[in-house]
Amino acid sequence: GSGITIYDYIIALGGRDVRKRDIAAVVDLAEKGEGDMFYGLRTEVL
């Protein structure tokens, strides 16, 4: 993978409003090798 993990990215958001189910969706797909680290995150976070 890349030099940054999904967890690192989420932590780097610094308390932004990212719902736990969105994080779960990101992690779930990433572990399956589908989508990318931004999948499932709210658009206002990006």
Protein backbone atom coordinates (compact mmCIF):
# COMPACT_ATOMS: atom_id res chain seq x y z
CA GLY A 1 0.00 0.00 0.00
CA SER A 2 0.88 3.65 0.19
CA GLY A 3 2.80 5.34 3.00
CA ILE A 4 -0.38 6.40 4.81
CA THR A 5 -2.97 4.07 6.24
CA ILE A 6 -6.69 4.61 6.42
CA TYR A 7 -6.43 4.94 10.18
CA ASP A 8 -3.66 7.54 9.84
CA TYR A 9 -5.82 9.51 7.42
CA ILE A 10 -8.85 9.39 9.70
CA ILE A 11 -6.78 10.42 12.72
CA ALA A 12 -5.29 13.24 10.65
CA LEU A 13 -8.79 14.62 10.13
CA GLY A 14 -8.51 15.85 13.71
CA GLY A 15 -12.02 15.24 14.92
CA ARG A 16 -13.88 16.08 11.74
CA ASP A 17 -17.41 14.72 11.52
CA VAL A 18 -16.68 11.29 10.11
CA ARG A 19 -19.26 8.73 11.07
CA LYS A 20 -18.09 5.39 12.43
CA ARG A 21 -20.09 3.48 9.84
CA ASP A 22 -18.30 5.41 7.09
CA ILE A 23 -14.96 4.50 8.63
CA ALA A 24 -16.07 0.89 8.81
CA ALA A 25 -17.02 0.98 5.12
CA VAL A 26 -13.64 2.42 4.19
CA VAL A 27 -11.76 -0.17 6.21
CA ASP A 28 -13.94 -3.04 5.01
CA LEU A 29 -13.42 -2.25 1.33
CA ALA A 30 -9.75 -1.50 1.79
CA GLU A 31 -9.22 -4.87 3.44
CA LYS A 32 -10.92 -6.48 0.43
CA GLY A 33 -8.69 -4.46 -1.89
CA GLU A 34 -11.64 -2.55 -3.35
CA GLY A 35 -12.21 1.16 -3.71
CA ASP A 36 -9.72 3.52 -2.11
CA MET A 37 -9.03 5.18 1.21
CA PHE A 38 -11.61 7.91 0.56
CA TYR A 39 -14.49 5.55 -0.19
CA GLY A 40 -17.44 6.13 2.10
CA LEU A 41 -16.17 9.38 3.59
CA ARG A 42 -18.50 12.32 3.56
CA THR A 43 -17.84 14.71 0.69
CA GLU A 44 -17.42 17.71 2.99
CA VAL A 45 -14.48 15.94 4.63
CA LEU A 46 -12.71 15.76 1.28
